[in-house]
């Protein structure tokens, strides 16, 4: 268990990593000053789908990106292709963005499965709620991507009362989508985002 963002040398060998940069130390300092800490252990997997919840505030993305840079984790995320233009193209790619054609005949799930199959390493972060608003059920895209790519799901939680971003154990999918999602939602029961938990 870690109380401070680990240095890149402490990360598992197979985990995708970012190249070293001068901004990393500043992110570590900023998180320390803000009182946020990381708990749990990263699995030594070259490919994973990470899900982050409860997602209740745009601050989740800020803290998540700060931790990602601070520890040197190359966690990617999806964004619509139309955003990758001009200066924003460089910024999104630098932050780990993957351009997605949302209306392509080959759907988003299929595009991401192909990405997993084409590369040696890929950790993909997804918010299963799909929005900061309270929703009665999660979107199932993350499950279909992980299942189709044959990778595990790593639950990552925000617990604002203790200023913690935590890592759960990797979950291998059973093939029963409803049971898998129910099991993952149950994992999040003790944790509370900025404005709510997972009901």
N, C-alpha and C. Protein backbone atom coordinates (compact mmCIF):
# COMPACT_ATOMS: atom_id res chain seq x y z
N UNK A 1 0.84 -1.19 0.00
CA UNK A 1 0.00 0.00 0.00
C UNK A 1 0.88 1.24 0.00
N UNK A 2 0.54 2.22 -0.79
CA UNK A 2 1.36 3.41 -0.93
C UNK A 2 0.59 4.64 -0.47
N UNK A 3 1.28 5.54 0.24
CA UNK A 3 0.66 6.76 0.70
C UNK A 3 1.11 7.96 -0.12
N UNK A 4 1.89 7.75 -1.15
CA UNK A 4 2.43 8.83 -1.95
C UNK A 4 2.67 8.28 -3.35
N UNK A 5 2.50 9.08 -4.38
CA UNK A 5 2.69 8.55 -5.73
C UNK A 5 4.05 7.88 -5.88
N UNK A 6 4.11 6.61 -6.28
CA UNK A 6 5.39 5.91 -6.41
C UNK A 6 6.20 6.44 -7.57
N UNK A 7 7.50 6.27 -7.50
CA UNK A 7 8.37 6.64 -8.60
C UNK A 7 8.27 5.59 -9.70
N UNK A 8 8.61 5.96 -10.96
CA UNK A 8 8.48 5.01 -12.07
C UNK A 8 9.19 3.68 -11.84
N UNK A 9 10.33 3.70 -11.12
CA UNK A 9 11.07 2.46 -10.90
C UNK A 9 10.29 1.45 -10.09
N UNK A 10 9.29 1.92 -9.34
CA UNK A 10 8.49 1.05 -8.50
C UNK A 10 7.32 0.42 -9.26
N UNK A 11 7.09 0.84 -10.47
CA UNK A 11 5.97 0.33 -11.24
C UNK A 11 6.29 -1.05 -11.79
N UNK A 12 5.26 -1.90 -11.95
CA UNK A 12 5.51 -3.26 -12.47
C UNK A 12 6.15 -3.24 -13.86
N UNK A 13 6.98 -4.22 -14.16
CA UNK A 13 7.72 -4.23 -15.44
C UNK A 13 6.83 -4.17 -16.68
N UNK A 14 5.68 -4.88 -16.65
CA UNK A 14 4.86 -4.95 -17.86
C UNK A 14 3.89 -3.78 -18.02
N UNK A 15 3.77 -2.96 -16.99
CA UNK A 15 2.83 -1.84 -17.03
C UNK A 15 3.30 -0.79 -18.04
N UNK A 16 2.43 -0.28 -18.91
CA UNK A 16 2.84 0.78 -19.84
C UNK A 16 3.26 2.03 -19.07
N UNK A 17 4.39 2.63 -19.48
CA UNK A 17 4.94 3.77 -18.76
C UNK A 17 5.18 4.95 -19.69
N UNK A 18 5.08 6.14 -19.13
CA UNK A 18 5.38 7.36 -19.85
C UNK A 18 6.88 7.63 -19.80
N UNK A 19 7.42 8.32 -20.80
CA UNK A 19 8.83 8.73 -20.71
C UNK A 19 8.99 9.74 -19.58
N UNK A 20 10.16 9.77 -18.98
CA UNK A 20 10.41 10.69 -17.86
C UNK A 20 10.35 12.13 -18.36
N UNK A 21 9.88 13.02 -17.49
CA UNK A 21 9.83 14.44 -17.84
C UNK A 21 9.90 15.28 -16.57
N UNK A 22 10.26 16.55 -16.74
CA UNK A 22 10.48 17.45 -15.61
C UNK A 22 9.18 17.79 -14.89
N UNK A 23 8.03 17.61 -15.56
CA UNK A 23 6.74 17.97 -14.97
C UNK A 23 6.31 16.97 -13.89
N UNK A 24 6.90 15.77 -13.91
CA UNK A 24 6.47 14.72 -12.98
C UNK A 24 6.67 15.11 -11.52
N UNK A 25 7.82 15.68 -11.20
CA UNK A 25 8.09 16.09 -9.82
C UNK A 25 7.11 17.14 -9.34
N UNK A 26 6.74 18.06 -10.23
CA UNK A 26 5.78 19.09 -9.85
C UNK A 26 4.42 18.48 -9.53
N UNK A 27 3.99 17.51 -10.34
CA UNK A 27 2.71 16.84 -10.09
C UNK A 27 2.73 16.10 -8.75
N UNK A 28 3.84 15.44 -8.45
CA UNK A 28 3.99 14.75 -7.17
C UNK A 28 3.88 15.74 -6.02
N UNK A 29 4.57 16.86 -6.15
CA UNK A 29 4.53 17.90 -5.11
C UNK A 29 3.12 18.45 -4.94
N UNK A 30 2.44 18.71 -6.05
CA UNK A 30 1.10 19.29 -6.01
C UNK A 30 0.12 18.34 -5.31
N UNK A 31 0.18 17.06 -5.64
CA UNK A 31 -0.70 16.08 -5.01
C UNK A 31 -0.41 15.98 -3.51
N UNK A 32 0.86 16.03 -3.16
CA UNK A 32 1.24 15.97 -1.74
C UNK A 32 0.70 17.18 -0.99
N UNK A 33 0.85 18.35 -1.58
CA UNK A 33 0.36 19.58 -0.95
C UNK A 33 -1.16 19.58 -0.82
N UNK A 34 -1.83 18.99 -1.80
CA UNK A 34 -3.30 18.95 -1.78
C UNK A 34 -3.83 17.87 -0.84
N UNK A 35 -2.95 16.98 -0.36
CA UNK A 35 -3.35 15.96 0.59
C UNK A 35 -3.87 14.68 -0.03
N UNK A 36 -3.72 14.53 -1.36
CA UNK A 36 -4.20 13.33 -2.03
C UNK A 36 -3.14 12.24 -2.00
N UNK A 37 -3.59 11.00 -1.92
CA UNK A 37 -2.66 9.87 -1.92
C UNK A 37 -3.24 8.72 -2.73
N UNK A 38 -2.35 7.85 -3.11
CA UNK A 38 -2.70 6.66 -3.89
C UNK A 38 -2.54 5.44 -3.01
N UNK A 39 -3.55 4.56 -3.01
CA UNK A 39 -3.45 3.33 -2.23
C UNK A 39 -3.71 2.13 -3.14
N UNK A 40 -3.13 1.01 -2.77
CA UNK A 40 -3.28 -0.19 -3.58
C UNK A 40 -2.03 -0.47 -4.40
N UNK A 41 -2.05 -1.54 -5.15
CA UNK A 41 -0.90 -1.95 -5.94
C UNK A 41 -1.29 -2.12 -7.41
N UNK A 42 -0.38 -1.70 -8.28
CA UNK A 42 -0.60 -1.89 -9.70
C UNK A 42 -0.30 -3.33 -10.08
N UNK A 43 -1.17 -3.98 -10.84
CA UNK A 43 -0.89 -5.34 -11.30
C UNK A 43 0.14 -5.33 -12.42
N UNK A 44 0.87 -6.39 -12.53
CA UNK A 44 1.89 -6.51 -13.57
C UNK A 44 1.26 -7.10 -14.82
N UNK A 45 0.38 -6.31 -15.45
CA UNK A 45 -0.32 -6.73 -16.66
C UNK A 45 0.04 -5.76 -17.79
N UNK A 46 0.33 -6.26 -18.98
CA UNK A 46 0.61 -5.35 -20.09
C UNK A 46 -0.64 -4.71 -20.68
N UNK A 47 -1.79 -5.36 -20.49
CA UNK A 47 -3.04 -4.84 -21.05
C UNK A 47 -4.15 -4.94 -20.02
N UNK A 48 -4.91 -3.85 -19.88
CA UNK A 48 -6.01 -3.78 -18.92
C UNK A 48 -7.03 -2.76 -19.38
N UNK A 49 -8.26 -2.92 -18.92
CA UNK A 49 -9.25 -1.84 -18.96
C UNK A 49 -9.42 -1.36 -17.53
N UNK A 50 -9.14 -0.08 -17.28
CA UNK A 50 -9.35 0.51 -15.96
C UNK A 50 -10.71 1.20 -15.97
N UNK A 51 -11.47 1.04 -14.90
CA UNK A 51 -12.72 1.79 -14.78
C UNK A 51 -12.62 2.67 -13.54
N UNK A 52 -13.02 3.93 -13.68
CA UNK A 52 -12.94 4.89 -12.59
C UNK A 52 -14.32 5.32 -12.14
N UNK A 53 -14.59 5.20 -10.83
CA UNK A 53 -15.88 5.57 -10.27
C UNK A 53 -15.70 5.79 -8.75
N UNK A 54 -16.63 6.44 -8.09
CA UNK A 54 -17.77 7.19 -8.64
C UNK A 54 -17.27 8.45 -9.37
N UNK A 55 -17.83 8.73 -10.50
CA UNK A 55 -17.45 9.88 -11.30
C UNK A 55 -18.53 10.94 -11.13
N UNK A 56 -18.26 11.92 -10.27
CA UNK A 56 -19.29 12.92 -9.93
C UNK A 56 -18.85 14.35 -10.19
N UNK A 57 -17.60 14.57 -10.57
CA UNK A 57 -17.09 15.93 -10.72
C UNK A 57 -15.99 15.96 -11.77
N UNK A 58 -15.83 17.12 -12.41
CA UNK A 58 -14.73 17.27 -13.36
C UNK A 58 -13.38 17.22 -12.64
N UNK A 59 -13.38 17.40 -11.32
CA UNK A 59 -12.15 17.28 -10.54
C UNK A 59 -11.58 15.86 -10.62
N UNK A 60 -12.44 14.87 -10.84
CA UNK A 60 -11.95 13.49 -10.95
C UNK A 60 -10.88 13.40 -12.05
N UNK A 61 -11.16 14.04 -13.17
CA UNK A 61 -10.21 14.01 -14.28
C UNK A 61 -8.92 14.73 -13.95
N UNK A 62 -9.02 15.85 -13.21
CA UNK A 62 -7.83 16.60 -12.83
C UNK A 62 -6.92 15.76 -11.94
N UNK A 63 -7.52 15.20 -10.86
CA UNK A 63 -6.72 14.38 -9.95
C UNK A 63 -6.17 13.14 -10.65
N UNK A 64 -6.99 12.54 -11.50
CA UNK A 64 -6.54 11.35 -12.21
C UNK A 64 -5.36 11.64 -13.13
N UNK A 65 -5.42 12.75 -13.88
CA UNK A 65 -4.32 13.10 -14.77
C UNK A 65 -3.06 13.46 -13.99
N UNK A 66 -3.22 14.14 -12.85
CA UNK A 66 -2.06 14.48 -12.03
C UNK A 66 -1.36 13.22 -11.53
N UNK A 67 -2.15 12.24 -11.06
CA UNK A 67 -1.55 11.00 -10.60
C UNK A 67 -0.88 10.25 -11.75
N UNK A 68 -1.52 10.24 -12.88
CA UNK A 68 -0.98 9.54 -14.05
C UNK A 68 0.40 10.08 -14.41
N UNK A 69 0.52 11.41 -14.46
CA UNK A 69 1.82 12.01 -14.78
C UNK A 69 2.81 11.82 -13.65
N UNK A 70 2.34 11.97 -12.40
CA UNK A 70 3.22 11.88 -11.24
C UNK A 70 3.90 10.53 -11.13
N UNK A 71 3.17 9.47 -11.46
CA UNK A 71 3.75 8.13 -11.31
C UNK A 71 4.33 7.59 -12.62
N UNK A 72 4.03 8.27 -13.73
CA UNK A 72 4.56 7.83 -15.02
C UNK A 72 3.78 6.70 -15.65
N UNK A 73 2.48 6.63 -15.37
CA UNK A 73 1.64 5.56 -15.92
C UNK A 73 1.04 5.99 -17.25
N UNK A 74 1.23 5.19 -18.27
CA UNK A 74 0.69 5.50 -19.59
C UNK A 74 -0.72 4.90 -19.70
N UNK A 75 -1.67 5.58 -19.08
CA UNK A 75 -3.08 5.16 -19.15
C UNK A 75 -3.75 6.00 -20.22
N UNK A 76 -4.34 5.34 -21.20
CA UNK A 76 -4.95 6.02 -22.33
C UNK A 76 -6.44 6.22 -22.11
N UNK A 77 -7.05 7.13 -22.87
CA UNK A 77 -8.48 7.37 -22.80
C UNK A 77 -9.00 7.70 -24.19
N UNK A 78 -10.30 7.49 -24.38
CA UNK A 78 -10.92 7.74 -25.67
C UNK A 78 -11.50 9.15 -25.74
N UNK A 79 -11.42 9.76 -26.91
CA UNK A 79 -12.05 11.06 -27.15
C UNK A 79 -12.48 11.11 -28.61
N UNK A 80 -13.53 11.86 -28.89
CA UNK A 80 -14.02 11.90 -30.27
C UNK A 80 -12.98 12.52 -31.19
N UNK A 81 -12.89 11.96 -32.39
CA UNK A 81 -11.86 12.34 -33.35
C UNK A 81 -11.89 13.83 -33.68
N UNK A 82 -13.08 14.42 -33.65
CA UNK A 82 -13.23 15.83 -34.03
C UNK A 82 -12.43 16.78 -33.11
N UNK A 83 -12.13 16.32 -31.89
CA UNK A 83 -11.39 17.17 -30.95
C UNK A 83 -9.90 17.25 -31.29
N UNK A 84 -9.40 16.30 -32.08
CA UNK A 84 -7.97 16.22 -32.36
C UNK A 84 -7.61 17.11 -33.54
N UNK A 85 -7.71 18.42 -33.30
CA UNK A 85 -7.41 19.40 -34.34
C UNK A 85 -6.61 20.54 -33.73
N UNK A 86 -5.69 21.09 -34.52
CA UNK A 86 -4.91 22.23 -34.06
C UNK A 86 -4.10 21.91 -32.81
N UNK A 87 -3.90 22.91 -31.95
CA UNK A 87 -3.10 22.71 -30.72
C UNK A 87 -3.70 21.65 -29.80
N UNK A 88 -5.03 21.48 -29.85
CA UNK A 88 -5.67 20.50 -28.98
C UNK A 88 -5.27 19.08 -29.36
N UNK A 89 -4.93 18.87 -30.62
CA UNK A 89 -4.50 17.54 -31.07
C UNK A 89 -3.25 17.11 -30.30
N UNK A 90 -2.25 17.98 -30.24
CA UNK A 90 -1.00 17.66 -29.53
C UNK A 90 -1.28 17.43 -28.05
N UNK A 91 -2.08 18.30 -27.44
CA UNK A 91 -2.35 18.20 -26.00
C UNK A 91 -3.07 16.90 -25.66
N UNK A 92 -4.12 16.56 -26.42
CA UNK A 92 -4.88 15.35 -26.13
C UNK A 92 -4.02 14.10 -26.29
N UNK A 93 -3.19 14.08 -27.34
CA UNK A 93 -2.33 12.92 -27.54
C UNK A 93 -1.27 12.83 -26.44
N UNK A 94 -0.76 13.99 -26.01
CA UNK A 94 0.25 14.00 -24.94
C UNK A 94 -0.35 13.49 -23.63
N UNK A 95 -1.63 13.76 -23.41
CA UNK A 95 -2.30 13.32 -22.19
C UNK A 95 -2.76 11.86 -22.26
N UNK A 96 -2.66 11.26 -23.45
CA UNK A 96 -3.04 9.86 -23.60
C UNK A 96 -4.32 9.63 -24.38
N UNK A 97 -4.80 10.66 -25.05
CA UNK A 97 -6.05 10.53 -25.80
C UNK A 97 -5.93 9.66 -27.03
N UNK A 98 -6.97 8.88 -27.29
CA UNK A 98 -7.06 8.04 -28.49
C UNK A 98 -8.26 8.55 -29.31
N UNK A 99 -8.03 9.03 -30.53
CA UNK A 99 -9.16 9.52 -31.34
C UNK A 99 -10.08 8.39 -31.78
N UNK A 100 -11.36 8.60 -31.58
CA UNK A 100 -12.37 7.58 -31.91
C UNK A 100 -13.37 8.16 -32.90
N UNK A 101 -13.66 7.39 -33.93
CA UNK A 101 -14.71 7.76 -34.88
C UNK A 101 -16.03 7.18 -34.37
N UNK A 102 -16.82 8.02 -33.71
CA UNK A 102 -18.03 7.53 -33.04
C UNK A 102 -19.10 7.03 -34.00
N UNK A 103 -19.11 7.57 -35.23
CA UNK A 103 -20.17 7.20 -36.17
C UNK A 103 -19.66 6.28 -37.28
N UNK A 104 -18.47 5.72 -37.09
CA UNK A 104 -17.92 4.82 -38.10
C UNK A 104 -18.71 3.51 -38.11
N UNK A 105 -18.73 2.87 -39.29
CA UNK A 105 -19.42 1.59 -39.41
C UNK A 105 -18.80 0.58 -38.45
N UNK A 106 -17.49 0.67 -38.30
CA UNK A 106 -16.77 -0.16 -37.35
C UNK A 106 -16.89 0.56 -36.01
N UNK A 107 -17.71 0.09 -35.08
CA UNK A 107 -18.05 0.81 -33.86
C UNK A 107 -16.90 1.04 -32.91
N UNK A 108 -17.17 1.84 -31.87
CA UNK A 108 -16.16 2.22 -30.90
C UNK A 108 -15.58 0.98 -30.21
N UNK A 109 -16.45 0.05 -29.82
CA UNK A 109 -15.97 -1.16 -29.15
C UNK A 109 -15.00 -1.92 -30.05
N UNK A 110 -15.36 -2.07 -31.32
CA UNK A 110 -14.51 -2.80 -32.26
C UNK A 110 -13.19 -2.07 -32.49
N UNK A 111 -13.25 -0.72 -32.57
CA UNK A 111 -12.03 0.05 -32.74
C UNK A 111 -11.06 -0.17 -31.59
N UNK A 112 -11.58 -0.21 -30.36
CA UNK A 112 -10.71 -0.37 -29.20
C UNK A 112 -10.20 -1.81 -29.08
N UNK A 113 -11.02 -2.78 -29.44
CA UNK A 113 -10.55 -4.17 -29.43
C UNK A 113 -9.38 -4.32 -30.41
N UNK A 114 -9.50 -3.68 -31.58
CA UNK A 114 -8.41 -3.72 -32.56
C UNK A 114 -7.15 -3.09 -32.00
N UNK A 115 -7.30 -1.99 -31.24
CA UNK A 115 -6.15 -1.33 -30.61
C UNK A 115 -5.45 -2.28 -29.65
N UNK A 116 -6.23 -2.99 -28.86
CA UNK A 116 -5.65 -3.93 -27.91
C UNK A 116 -4.90 -5.04 -28.65
N UNK A 117 -5.48 -5.52 -29.73
CA UNK A 117 -4.86 -6.63 -30.45
C UNK A 117 -3.61 -6.19 -31.21
N UNK A 118 -3.56 -4.91 -31.60
CA UNK A 118 -2.46 -4.43 -32.42
C UNK A 118 -1.21 -4.11 -31.62
N UNK A 119 -1.36 -3.78 -30.33
CA UNK A 119 -0.20 -3.35 -29.54
C UNK A 119 0.20 -4.35 -28.49
N UNK A 120 1.46 -4.20 -28.02
CA UNK A 120 1.96 -5.09 -26.98
C UNK A 120 1.47 -4.68 -25.60
N UNK A 121 1.24 -3.37 -25.41
CA UNK A 121 0.82 -2.88 -24.11
C UNK A 121 -0.24 -1.80 -24.28
N UNK A 122 -1.28 -1.86 -23.47
CA UNK A 122 -2.32 -0.83 -23.48
C UNK A 122 -3.12 -0.91 -22.20
N UNK A 123 -3.13 0.18 -21.47
CA UNK A 123 -4.05 0.35 -20.34
C UNK A 123 -5.03 1.44 -20.75
N UNK A 124 -6.30 1.10 -20.78
CA UNK A 124 -7.34 2.02 -21.24
C UNK A 124 -8.25 2.38 -20.07
N UNK A 125 -8.37 3.68 -19.79
CA UNK A 125 -9.23 4.16 -18.71
C UNK A 125 -10.60 4.57 -19.23
N UNK A 126 -11.66 4.13 -18.53
CA UNK A 126 -13.04 4.42 -18.92
C UNK A 126 -13.85 4.72 -17.66
N UNK A 127 -14.78 5.69 -17.74
CA UNK A 127 -15.73 5.91 -16.65
C UNK A 127 -17.00 5.13 -16.99
N UNK A 128 -17.33 4.08 -16.25
CA UNK A 128 -18.47 3.23 -16.62
C UNK A 128 -19.82 3.94 -16.50
N UNK A 129 -19.87 5.00 -15.68
CA UNK A 129 -21.13 5.75 -15.58
C UNK A 129 -21.38 6.58 -16.84
N UNK A 130 -20.30 6.98 -17.51
CA UNK A 130 -20.42 7.71 -18.76
C UNK A 130 -20.80 9.17 -18.60
N UNK A 131 -21.01 9.64 -17.38
CA UNK A 131 -21.42 11.00 -17.11
C UNK A 131 -21.18 11.29 -15.64
N UNK A 132 -21.15 12.60 -15.30
CA UNK A 132 -21.02 12.96 -13.88
C UNK A 132 -22.35 12.90 -13.16
N UNK A 133 -23.45 12.83 -13.92
CA UNK A 133 -24.77 12.75 -13.31
C UNK A 133 -25.03 11.35 -12.75
N UNK A 134 -25.93 11.27 -11.80
CA UNK A 134 -26.31 9.97 -11.24
C UNK A 134 -27.09 9.19 -12.29
N UNK A 135 -26.70 7.95 -12.50
CA UNK A 135 -27.37 7.10 -13.48
C UNK A 135 -27.79 5.79 -12.82
N UNK A 136 -28.93 5.21 -13.26
CA UNK A 136 -29.40 3.97 -12.62
C UNK A 136 -28.55 2.75 -12.97
N UNK A 137 -27.85 2.80 -14.11
CA UNK A 137 -27.02 1.65 -14.50
C UNK A 137 -25.81 2.13 -15.28
N UNK A 138 -24.77 1.34 -15.25
CA UNK A 138 -23.55 1.67 -15.98
C UNK A 138 -23.71 1.36 -17.45
N UNK A 139 -22.92 2.07 -18.26
CA UNK A 139 -22.81 1.72 -19.67
C UNK A 139 -21.95 0.44 -19.77
N UNK A 140 -22.25 -0.38 -20.74
CA UNK A 140 -21.59 -1.69 -20.82
C UNK A 140 -20.40 -1.72 -21.78
N UNK A 141 -20.07 -0.57 -22.39
CA UNK A 141 -18.98 -0.55 -23.37
C UNK A 141 -17.67 -1.09 -22.82
N UNK A 142 -17.33 -0.70 -21.58
CA UNK A 142 -16.06 -1.15 -21.01
C UNK A 142 -16.01 -2.68 -20.93
N UNK A 143 -17.17 -3.29 -20.59
CA UNK A 143 -17.23 -4.75 -20.46
C UNK A 143 -17.00 -5.41 -21.83
N UNK A 144 -17.67 -4.88 -22.85
CA UNK A 144 -17.54 -5.46 -24.19
C UNK A 144 -16.11 -5.31 -24.72
N UNK A 145 -15.47 -4.16 -24.43
CA UNK A 145 -14.09 -3.97 -24.87
C UNK A 145 -13.17 -4.97 -24.17
N UNK A 146 -13.27 -5.05 -22.85
CA UNK A 146 -12.40 -5.96 -22.08
C UNK A 146 -12.65 -7.41 -22.48
N UNK A 147 -13.91 -7.77 -22.63
CA UNK A 147 -14.26 -9.15 -22.99
C UNK A 147 -13.74 -9.49 -24.38
N UNK A 148 -13.96 -8.56 -25.34
CA UNK A 148 -13.52 -8.80 -26.70
C UNK A 148 -12.01 -8.85 -26.84
N UNK A 149 -11.31 -8.06 -26.01
CA UNK A 149 -9.84 -8.02 -26.07
C UNK A 149 -9.21 -9.11 -25.21
N UNK A 150 -10.03 -9.77 -24.37
CA UNK A 150 -9.50 -10.83 -23.51
C UNK A 150 -8.63 -10.31 -22.39
N UNK A 151 -9.00 -9.12 -21.82
CA UNK A 151 -8.20 -8.53 -20.75
C UNK A 151 -9.05 -8.38 -19.49
N UNK A 152 -8.39 -8.21 -18.36
CA UNK A 152 -9.08 -8.01 -17.09
C UNK A 152 -9.50 -6.55 -16.92
N UNK A 153 -10.37 -6.32 -15.94
CA UNK A 153 -10.82 -4.98 -15.59
C UNK A 153 -10.23 -4.61 -14.23
N UNK A 154 -9.58 -3.45 -14.17
CA UNK A 154 -9.01 -2.96 -12.92
C UNK A 154 -9.88 -1.83 -12.37
N UNK A 155 -10.56 -2.03 -11.24
CA UNK A 155 -11.37 -0.96 -10.67
C UNK A 155 -10.49 0.06 -9.93
N UNK A 156 -10.71 1.33 -10.27
CA UNK A 156 -10.01 2.44 -9.62
C UNK A 156 -11.09 3.33 -9.00
N UNK A 157 -10.94 3.65 -7.73
CA UNK A 157 -11.99 4.41 -7.05
C UNK A 157 -11.52 5.76 -6.54
N UNK A 158 -12.46 6.70 -6.52
CA UNK A 158 -12.26 7.99 -5.88
C UNK A 158 -12.96 7.96 -4.54
N UNK A 159 -12.24 8.31 -3.48
CA UNK A 159 -12.86 8.39 -2.15
C UNK A 159 -12.50 9.76 -1.57
N UNK A 160 -13.37 10.73 -1.84
CA UNK A 160 -13.09 12.12 -1.48
C UNK A 160 -13.00 12.37 0.02
N UNK A 161 -13.77 11.69 0.89
CA UNK A 161 -13.63 11.97 2.31
C UNK A 161 -12.20 11.80 2.83
N UNK A 162 -11.45 10.86 2.27
CA UNK A 162 -10.06 10.64 2.69
C UNK A 162 -9.04 11.11 1.67
N UNK A 163 -9.50 11.76 0.59
CA UNK A 163 -8.63 12.22 -0.49
C UNK A 163 -7.77 11.06 -1.01
N UNK A 164 -8.43 10.02 -1.43
CA UNK A 164 -7.76 8.82 -1.88
C UNK A 164 -8.20 8.44 -3.29
N UNK A 165 -7.23 8.08 -4.11
CA UNK A 165 -7.51 7.33 -5.33
C UNK A 165 -6.96 5.94 -5.08
N UNK A 166 -7.83 4.94 -5.18
CA UNK A 166 -7.44 3.59 -4.81
C UNK A 166 -7.54 2.60 -5.95
N UNK A 167 -6.73 1.57 -5.86
CA UNK A 167 -6.70 0.51 -6.87
C UNK A 167 -7.23 -0.78 -6.25
N UNK A 168 -8.21 -1.38 -6.91
CA UNK A 168 -8.70 -2.67 -6.48
C UNK A 168 -7.96 -3.78 -7.17
N UNK A 169 -8.35 -5.02 -6.92
CA UNK A 169 -7.72 -6.14 -7.61
C UNK A 169 -8.27 -6.26 -9.03
N UNK A 170 -7.47 -6.75 -9.98
CA UNK A 170 -7.99 -6.97 -11.33
C UNK A 170 -9.11 -8.01 -11.31
N UNK A 171 -10.15 -7.76 -12.09
CA UNK A 171 -11.29 -8.67 -12.18
C UNK A 171 -11.28 -9.34 -13.55
N UNK A 172 -11.14 -10.65 -13.57
CA UNK A 172 -11.29 -11.40 -14.81
C UNK A 172 -12.78 -11.55 -15.09
N UNK A 173 -13.18 -11.32 -16.32
CA UNK A 173 -14.60 -11.38 -16.67
C UNK A 173 -15.05 -12.82 -16.87
N UNK A 174 -16.29 -13.08 -16.44
CA UNK A 174 -16.81 -14.44 -16.49
C UNK A 174 -17.52 -14.77 -17.80
N UNK A 175 -17.94 -13.72 -18.50
CA UNK A 175 -18.77 -13.92 -19.69
C UNK A 175 -20.23 -13.60 -19.43
N UNK A 176 -20.60 -13.50 -18.15
CA UNK A 176 -21.95 -13.10 -17.76
C UNK A 176 -21.89 -11.60 -17.44
N UNK A 177 -22.30 -10.78 -18.40
CA UNK A 177 -22.13 -9.34 -18.27
C UNK A 177 -22.83 -8.79 -17.03
N UNK A 178 -24.08 -9.15 -16.81
CA UNK A 178 -24.84 -8.61 -15.68
C UNK A 178 -24.17 -8.98 -14.35
N UNK A 179 -23.71 -10.22 -14.24
CA UNK A 179 -23.06 -10.66 -13.00
C UNK A 179 -21.72 -9.96 -12.81
N UNK A 180 -20.97 -9.80 -13.89
CA UNK A 180 -19.68 -9.12 -13.78
C UNK A 180 -19.86 -7.67 -13.35
N UNK A 181 -20.80 -6.97 -13.96
CA UNK A 181 -21.02 -5.56 -13.62
C UNK A 181 -21.54 -5.43 -12.20
N UNK A 182 -22.43 -6.33 -11.79
CA UNK A 182 -22.93 -6.29 -10.41
C UNK A 182 -21.79 -6.50 -9.41
N UNK A 183 -20.88 -7.40 -9.73
CA UNK A 183 -19.73 -7.66 -8.86
C UNK A 183 -18.82 -6.44 -8.76
N UNK A 184 -18.62 -5.77 -9.88
CA UNK A 184 -17.79 -4.57 -9.88
C UNK A 184 -18.46 -3.42 -9.14
N UNK A 185 -19.75 -3.25 -9.34
CA UNK A 185 -20.47 -2.19 -8.63
C UNK A 185 -20.42 -2.42 -7.12
N UNK A 186 -20.51 -3.68 -6.70
CA UNK A 186 -20.46 -4.00 -5.28
C UNK A 186 -19.11 -3.61 -4.69
N UNK A 187 -18.05 -3.72 -5.48
CA UNK A 187 -16.72 -3.33 -5.00
C UNK A 187 -16.70 -1.86 -4.60
N UNK A 188 -17.44 -1.03 -5.34
CA UNK A 188 -17.41 0.41 -5.12
C UNK A 188 -18.31 0.88 -3.97
N UNK A 189 -19.09 0.00 -3.38
CA UNK A 189 -20.07 0.40 -2.37
C UNK A 189 -19.50 1.24 -1.23
N UNK A 190 -18.29 0.96 -0.71
CA UNK A 190 -17.79 1.75 0.42
C UNK A 190 -17.27 3.14 0.06
N UNK A 191 -17.13 3.45 -1.21
CA UNK A 191 -16.41 4.65 -1.61
C UNK A 191 -17.35 5.76 -2.07
N UNK A 192 -16.93 6.99 -1.80
CA UNK A 192 -17.78 8.14 -2.11
C UNK A 192 -17.00 9.16 -2.93
N UNK A 193 -17.60 9.53 -4.06
CA UNK A 193 -17.02 10.59 -4.89
C UNK A 193 -17.24 11.95 -4.26
N UNK A 194 -16.98 13.00 -5.01
CA UNK A 194 -17.11 14.34 -4.47
C UNK A 194 -18.55 14.64 -4.04
N UNK A 195 -19.53 14.11 -4.77
CA UNK A 195 -20.92 14.42 -4.46
C UNK A 195 -21.79 13.22 -4.13
N UNK A 196 -21.31 12.02 -4.38
CA UNK A 196 -22.14 10.84 -4.08
C UNK A 196 -21.30 9.58 -4.22
N UNK A 197 -21.91 8.46 -3.87
CA UNK A 197 -21.28 7.17 -4.06
C UNK A 197 -21.97 6.41 -5.17
N UNK A 198 -21.74 5.08 -5.20
CA UNK A 198 -22.42 4.19 -6.15
C UNK A 198 -23.59 3.56 -5.42
N UNK A 199 -24.80 3.83 -5.87
CA UNK A 199 -25.99 3.27 -5.22
C UNK A 199 -26.30 1.88 -5.77
